[in-house]
Amino acid sequence: MMRTETDGIDSALARIAAAIEPQSSVPVSVQLRGALEYGIATGDIPANARLPSVRRLAARLKLSPVTVSSVYTALQARGHIEGRIGSGTFVADRAPLPPSQTQRLADFERQIAALVQAGRELGLSRQDIAFRISMAPPAAVLPLRILVLGTFLDATKAYANDLEPYLSDIDTISAASVADLGRGAEPAADLVICPHTLTADAQRLFSNLPVLGMTLIPNEQTRIALAGIPPEANVGVVSYFDDFLPTLKSGIDRFAPHLGRITAVPRDFDGLPDLLARVDVLIYSTGAEYLLKSLRADQTAIEYRHTPDSHAVRSKVLPAIEAVRAKNQTKDTQNENK
């Protein structure tokens, strides 16, 4: 059976289609770019997934092919997607790849040969060499300083706290915002972890360090709060960033499908004061906390907060961290031998 070109991401595209509002004050191109960008960041649209052609996506979303083409161009410029000649457009896999297993084994074989030769020159037999290897103390593990980079410092610190239990006890982790770095802060780090949407900024700010993209999902507290909203509630949704609005709306539709009265707007929406006055529940993205002072005591507020996806941490981030550790350890050993 032939696979469709969007096989595996149809559900994500369906949520994007449902979330885009042509009547919104946010331009459709901004909505689509943000929805695709955050879909990639949250793992809804996974790395190496093949995207629909411009014409197919335009037809599916009932948009102009020119609009879709401009969005693809912008995402490609940001490093989120890439064109592969003769194959189509794919989500980029920006995680640093460790050396291939074949190359590593070849290097290992050369090191063994060199070790055996050195042993023979000292009059040692293969058995002597093997015995000495078995008795050798394990090499000290190199600790790493890991920096988590984000947009809002409070949320970024939460990402770092959520990542810490996965890390080795010898590693240290800290958090910084892009704004902090713009004010001259220079945290010491061996590698940088950030949401996929910030990898271009991180690579610009830390051109000499490896940058790992981090997949985010709504955290457990957010999911529980969304599920607990009464079905009859009048719900207002406010996004700090215009291009995050479709993703915010589709996430709410996904985790609170029982809600029927939802109004989603950007934070600069002209009618925002009236909306805040009449809603029972306000769902706001990180960064829009200032809206809380406009609410009454009988209104409920829920922050749409993210956390690193545990599966992606184990399958992508941790192996990439160990690859960086091995590379740095090799450099240290070479420097010691000079």
Protein backbone atom coordinates (compact mmCIF):
# COMPACT_ATOMS: atom_id res chain seq x y z
CA MET A 1 0.00 0.00 0.00
CA MET A 2 1.47 3.36 -1.00
CA ARG A 3 2.08 5.88 1.76
CA THR A 4 0.77 9.42 1.34
CA GLU A 5 3.29 12.24 1.40
CA THR A 6 1.87 13.51 4.71
CA ASP A 7 1.61 10.07 6.27
CA GLY A 8 2.19 10.38 10.02
CA ILE A 9 1.46 14.12 10.32
CA ASP A 10 -2.14 14.22 9.07
CA SER A 11 -3.53 14.78 12.57
CA ALA A 12 -1.17 17.72 13.12
CA LEU A 13 -2.15 19.26 9.78
CA ALA A 14 -5.83 18.78 10.63
CA ARG A 15 -5.35 20.69 13.90
CA ILE A 16 -3.54 23.46 12.04
CA ALA A 17 -6.35 23.68 9.48
CA ALA A 18 -8.94 23.94 12.25
CA ALA A 19 -6.96 26.58 14.16
CA ILE A 20 -6.30 29.04 11.32
CA GLU A 21 -8.88 31.82 11.22
CA PRO A 22 -8.97 33.93 8.03
CA GLN A 23 -11.07 36.57 9.85
CA SER A 24 -8.49 37.06 12.61
CA SER A 25 -6.53 40.29 12.95
CA VAL A 26 -3.38 38.15 12.71
CA PRO A 27 -2.38 37.67 9.02
CA VAL A 28 -2.98 34.17 7.71
CA SER A 29 0.69 33.84 6.72
CA VAL A 30 1.75 34.61 10.30
CA GLN A 31 -0.77 32.10 11.65
CA LEU A 32 0.43 29.34 9.32
CA ARG A 33 4.12 30.02 9.92
CA GLY A 34 3.60 30.01 13.67
CA ALA A 35 1.47 26.86 13.59
CA LEU A 36 4.05 24.95 11.56
CA GLU A 37 6.94 26.33 13.60
CA TYR A 38 5.41 25.40 16.93
CA GLY A 39 4.16 22.09 15.56
CA ILE A 40 7.78 21.25 14.80
CA ALA A 41 8.89 22.53 18.22
CA THR A 42 6.33 20.41 20.10
CA GLY A 43 7.04 17.29 18.07
CA ASP A 44 3.58 17.16 16.48
CA ILE A 45 5.42 17.41 13.18
CA PRO A 46 8.52 15.30 13.84
CA ALA A 47 12.02 15.73 12.47
CA ASN A 48 12.49 14.29 8.96
CA ALA A 49 8.72 14.25 8.34
CA ARG A 50 7.83 14.99 4.74
CA LEU A 51 5.59 18.05 4.35
CA PRO A 52 2.89 18.42 1.69
CA SER A 53 3.81 20.24 -1.47
CA VAL A 54 2.93 23.92 -1.63
CA ARG A 55 -0.10 23.27 -3.84
CA ARG A 56 -1.38 20.36 -1.75
CA LEU A 57 -1.13 22.29 1.52
CA ALA A 58 -2.68 25.39 -0.05
CA ALA A 59 -5.61 23.31 -1.30
CA ARG A 60 -6.04 21.62 2.07
CA LEU A 61 -6.03 24.90 4.01
CA LYS A 62 -7.93 26.82 1.31
CA LEU A 63 -5.11 29.35 1.07
CA SER A 64 -3.22 30.90 -1.81
CA PRO A 65 -0.19 28.88 -2.99
CA VAL A 66 1.75 32.15 -2.85
CA THR A 67 1.00 32.41 0.89
CA VAL A 68 2.08 28.83 1.57
CA SER A 69 5.21 29.25 -0.57
CA SER A 70 6.25 32.38 1.36
CA VAL A 71 5.74 30.53 4.66
CA TYR A 72 7.86 27.59 3.48
CA THR A 73 10.57 30.03 2.38
CA ALA A 74 10.55 31.73 5.79
CA LEU A 75 10.72 28.41 7.65
CA GLN A 76 13.57 27.24 5.44
CA ALA A 77 15.47 30.48 6.12
CA ARG A 78 15.07 29.83 9.85
CA GLY A 79 16.40 26.30 9.47
CA HIS A 80 13.15 24.55 10.44
CA ILE A 81 12.59 22.81 7.09
CA GLU A 82 14.75 21.86 4.14
CA GLY A 83 14.22 20.98 0.50
CA ARG A 84 15.67 17.71 -0.73
CA ILE A 85 16.19 17.52 -4.47
CA GLY A 86 13.81 15.07 -6.06
CA SER A 87 12.16 14.19 -2.75
CA GLY A 88 10.24 17.22 -1.48
CA THR A 89 10.25 19.38 1.62
CA PHE A 90 11.11 17.87 5.01
CA VAL A 91 11.33 18.97 8.63
CA ALA A 92 15.00 19.53 9.37
CA ASP A 93 16.77 17.37 11.92
CA ARG A 94 19.09 19.89 13.55
CA ALA A 95 20.25 17.68 16.42
CA PRO A 96 24.01 17.18 16.15
CA LEU A 97 24.64 13.69 14.86
CA PRO A 98 27.30 11.53 16.54
CA PRO A 99 29.88 9.91 14.26
CA SER A 100 28.53 6.89 12.43
CA GLN A 101 28.90 3.57 14.17
CA THR A 102 31.08 2.34 11.31
CA GLN A 103 33.52 5.23 11.66
CA ARG A 104 33.67 4.84 15.44
CA LEU A 105 34.40 1.13 15.15
CA ALA A 106 37.12 1.83 12.57
CA ASP A 107 38.73 4.37 14.91
CA PHE A 108 38.49 1.88 17.76
CA GLU A 109 40.19 -0.84 15.70
CA ARG A 110 43.06 1.54 14.86
CA GLN A 111 43.49 2.40 18.53
CA ILE A 112 43.60 -1.31 19.43
CA ALA A 113 46.24 -1.95 16.76
CA ALA A 114 48.33 0.94 18.06
CA LEU A 115 47.98 -0.34 21.63
CA VAL A 116 49.04 -3.87 20.67
CA GLN A 117 52.04 -2.50 18.77
CA ALA A 118 53.09 -0.35 21.73
CA GLY A 119 52.76 -3.36 24.04
CA ARG A 120 54.89 -5.56 21.81
CA GLU A 121 57.60 -2.91 21.73
CA LEU A 122 57.65 -3.18 25.53
CA GLY A 123 57.91 -6.97 25.36
CA LEU A 124 54.32 -7.63 26.40
CA SER A 125 52.29 -10.51 24.99
CA ARG A 126 48.67 -10.14 23.86
CA GLN A 127 47.62 -11.88 27.09
CA ASP A 128 49.63 -9.36 29.12
CA ILE A 129 48.01 -6.48 27.25
CA ALA A 130 44.51 -7.93 27.69
CA PHE A 131 45.12 -8.42 31.43
CA ARG A 132 46.34 -4.86 31.88
CA ILE A 133 43.31 -3.54 30.01
CA SER A 134 40.96 -5.54 32.24
CA MET A 135 42.65 -4.10 35.35
CA ALA A 136 42.78 -0.50 34.12
CA PRO A 137 40.66 1.97 36.14
CA PRO A 138 37.69 3.46 34.27
CA ALA A 139 38.30 6.82 32.67
CA ALA A 140 36.95 9.79 34.58
CA VAL A 141 33.70 11.07 33.11
CA LEU A 142 33.88 14.67 31.94
CA PRO A 143 31.21 16.88 33.58
CA LEU A 144 29.26 19.21 31.33
CA ARG A 145 27.83 22.67 31.94
CA ILE A 146 24.44 22.73 30.23
CA LEU A 147 22.66 26.00 29.49
CA VAL A 148 18.93 26.06 28.76
CA LEU A 149 18.01 29.06 26.61
CA GLY A 150 14.46 30.39 26.33
CA THR A 151 12.35 33.47 25.75
CA PHE A 152 10.94 33.99 29.25
CA LEU A 153 13.33 33.37 32.15
CA ASP A 154 10.76 31.95 34.58
CA ALA A 155 9.55 29.37 32.06
CA THR A 156 13.13 28.60 31.01
CA LYS A 157 14.10 27.89 34.62
CA ALA A 158 11.15 25.48 34.78
CA TYR A 159 12.46 23.70 31.65
CA ALA A 160 15.87 23.38 33.31
CA ASN A 161 14.32 22.00 36.51
CA ASP A 162 12.33 19.46 34.48
CA LEU A 163 15.46 18.38 32.57
CA GLU A 164 17.71 18.04 35.62
CA PRO A 165 16.43 14.61 36.79
CA TYR A 166 17.43 13.11 33.43
CA LEU A 167 21.03 14.33 33.64
CA SER A 168 24.15 12.81 35.15
CA ASP A 169 24.85 13.84 38.74
CA ILE A 170 28.17 15.35 37.66
CA ASP A 171 26.56 17.74 35.16
CA THR A 172 25.27 21.21 36.02
CA ILE A 173 22.35 22.97 34.37
CA SER A 174 21.41 26.65 34.31
CA ALA A 175 18.89 28.84 32.52
CA ALA A 176 19.05 32.13 30.63
CA SER A 177 16.77 34.12 28.38
CA VAL A 178 17.65 35.63 25.03
CA ALA A 179 17.04 39.03 26.62
CA ASP A 180 19.61 38.26 29.35
CA LEU A 181 22.25 37.61 26.73
CA GLY A 182 21.29 40.78 24.91
CA ARG A 183 22.11 42.70 28.09
CA GLY A 184 25.61 41.27 28.14
CA ALA A 185 25.23 38.17 30.32
CA GLU A 186 27.75 35.47 29.32
CA PRO A 187 26.99 32.22 31.14
CA ALA A 188 29.69 29.55 31.02
CA ALA A 189 28.49 26.47 29.14
CA ASP A 190 29.66 23.46 27.18
CA LEU A 191 26.43 23.10 25.23
CA VAL A 192 23.09 24.86 24.83
CA ILE A 193 19.61 23.32 24.88
CA CYS A 194 16.65 25.36 23.65
CA PRO A 195 13.19 24.98 22.09
CA HIS A 196 13.41 24.22 18.38
CA THR A 197 11.97 27.68 17.64
CA LEU A 198 15.07 29.30 19.16
CA THR A 199 17.82 27.17 17.59
CA ALA A 200 18.73 29.86 15.05
CA ASP A 201 19.08 32.45 17.84
CA ALA A 202 21.08 30.03 19.98
CA GLN A 203 23.46 29.19 17.13
CA ARG A 204 23.99 32.91 16.52
CA LEU A 205 24.62 33.66 20.19
CA PHE A 206 26.77 30.57 20.82
CA SER A 207 28.48 29.99 17.50
CA ASN A 208 31.27 27.93 19.09
CA LEU A 209 29.02 25.60 21.10
CA PRO A 210 26.79 22.69 20.09
CA VAL A 211 23.08 23.57 20.20
CA LEU A 212 20.45 20.92 20.89
CA GLY A 213 16.80 21.44 19.94
CA MET A 214 14.27 20.54 22.64
CA THR A 215 10.74 19.26 21.95
CA LEU A 216 8.10 20.79 24.23
CA ILE A 217 4.59 19.67 25.18
CA PRO A 218 1.96 21.19 27.51
CA ASN A 219 2.91 20.24 31.06
CA GLU A 220 0.81 18.00 33.28
CA GLN A 221 -0.60 20.87 35.33
CA THR A 222 -1.78 22.60 32.15
CA ARG A 223 -3.37 19.43 30.76
CA ILE A 224 -5.20 18.72 34.04
CA ALA A 225 -6.43 22.31 34.29
CA LEU A 226 -7.73 22.27 30.71
CA ALA A 227 -9.54 18.97 31.25
CA GLY A 228 -11.19 20.38 34.38
CA ILE A 229 -12.83 23.41 32.73
CA PRO A 230 -16.65 23.06 32.84
CA PRO A 231 -18.12 22.39 29.37
CA GLU A 232 -20.49 25.36 29.64
CA ALA A 233 -17.72 27.83 30.54
CA ASN A 234 -17.15 30.93 28.43
CA VAL A 235 -13.42 30.69 27.69
CA GLY A 236 -11.06 33.39 26.48
CA VAL A 237 -7.65 32.52 25.02
CA VAL A 238 -4.89 35.12 24.74
CA SER A 239 -1.52 34.54 23.07
CA TYR A 240 1.52 36.70 23.82
CA PHE A 241 2.93 36.07 20.34
CA ASP A 242 0.64 36.41 17.32
CA ASP A 243 2.15 33.42 15.53
CA PHE A 244 1.59 31.15 18.56
CA LEU A 245 -2.18 31.73 18.55
CA PRO A 246 -3.12 28.84 16.17
CA THR A 247 -0.94 26.43 18.14
CA LEU A 248 -2.42 27.60 21.44
CA LYS A 249 -5.94 27.17 20.09
CA SER A 250 -5.27 23.74 18.58
CA GLY A 251 -3.62 22.59 21.84
CA ILE A 252 -6.72 23.58 23.78
CA ASP A 253 -8.92 21.81 21.24
CA ARG A 254 -6.75 18.73 21.70
CA PHE A 255 -6.69 18.61 25.51
CA ALA A 256 -10.12 20.16 26.17
CA PRO A 257 -12.32 19.00 23.27
CA HIS A 258 -15.41 19.33 25.49
CA LEU A 259 -15.31 23.13 25.38
CA GLY A 260 -17.73 24.86 23.05
CA ARG A 261 -17.43 28.59 23.79
CA ILE A 262 -13.86 29.65 23.03
CA THR A 263 -12.65 33.04 21.80
CA ALA A 264 -8.95 33.13 20.88
CA VAL A 265 -7.21 36.47 20.29
CA PRO A 266 -3.70 37.99 20.29
CA ARG A 267 -2.74 40.20 23.23
CA ASP A 268 -3.08 43.41 21.20
CA PHE A 269 -6.69 42.64 20.21
CA ASP A 270 -8.74 45.85 20.37
CA GLY A 271 -11.64 44.22 22.20
CA LEU A 272 -9.48 42.49 24.81
CA PRO A 273 -10.81 44.45 27.85
CA ASP A 274 -14.40 43.52 26.96
CA LEU A 275 -13.39 39.88 26.40
CA LEU A 276 -11.65 39.70 29.77
CA ALA A 277 -14.71 41.17 31.47
CA ARG A 278 -17.13 38.52 30.21
CA VAL A 279 -15.15 35.24 30.25
CA ASP A 280 -15.41 32.64 33.00
CA VAL A 281 -11.96 31.21 32.26
CA LEU A 282 -8.86 32.87 30.79
CA ILE A 283 -6.20 30.68 29.19
CA TYR A 284 -3.05 32.68 28.49
CA SER A 285 0.34 31.86 27.05
CA THR A 286 3.52 32.42 29.04
CA GLY A 287 4.44 36.10 28.92
CA ALA A 288 0.86 37.36 29.24
CA GLU A 289 0.74 37.12 33.05
CA TYR A 290 0.05 40.84 33.28
CA LEU A 291 -3.54 40.10 32.23
CA LEU A 292 -4.24 38.53 35.63
CA LYS A 293 -4.59 41.94 37.27
CA SER A 294 -7.61 42.61 35.03
CA LEU A 295 -9.55 39.57 36.27
CA ARG A 296 -12.18 39.38 39.00
CA ALA A 297 -12.06 36.98 41.94
CA ASP A 298 -14.78 34.81 40.38
CA GLN A 299 -12.79 34.23 37.17
CA THR A 300 -10.29 31.42 36.62
CA ALA A 301 -6.91 31.83 34.93
CA ILE A 302 -4.80 29.03 33.42
CA GLU A 303 -1.28 29.53 32.10
CA TYR A 304 -0.53 27.38 29.05
CA ARG A 305 2.91 26.21 30.22
CA HIS A 306 5.20 23.74 28.45
CA THR A 307 7.65 21.08 29.62
CA PRO A 308 10.31 19.05 27.77
CA ASP A 309 8.83 15.93 26.18
CA SER A 310 10.21 12.96 28.15
CA HIS A 311 10.34 10.62 25.15
CA ALA A 312 12.28 13.17 23.08
CA VAL A 313 14.62 13.84 26.02
CA ARG A 314 15.49 10.15 26.31
CA SER A 315 15.67 9.39 22.59
CA LYS A 316 17.22 12.62 21.26
CA VAL A 317 18.62 14.95 23.91
CA LEU A 318 20.45 12.49 26.17
CA PRO A 319 22.27 10.68 23.31
CA ALA A 320 23.25 14.08 21.88
CA ILE A 321 24.59 15.16 25.29
CA GLU A 322 26.70 12.00 25.52
CA ALA A 323 28.02 12.61 22.00
CA VAL A 324 29.12 16.10 23.08
CA ARG A 325 30.69 14.66 26.23
CA ALA A 326 32.65 12.06 24.24
CA LYS A 327 33.85 14.69 21.77
CA ASN A 328 34.96 17.05 24.54
CA GLN A 329 36.65 14.21 26.42
CA THR A 330 38.59 13.27 23.29
CA LYS A 331 39.72 16.88 22.89
CA ASP A 332 40.85 17.02 26.52
CA THR A 333 42.83 13.79 26.13
CA GLN A 334 44.50 15.05 22.96
CA ASN A 335 45.43 18.32 24.67
CA GLU A 336 46.94 16.43 27.61
CA ASN A 337 49.08 14.37 25.25
CA LYS A 338 50.54 17.37 23.45
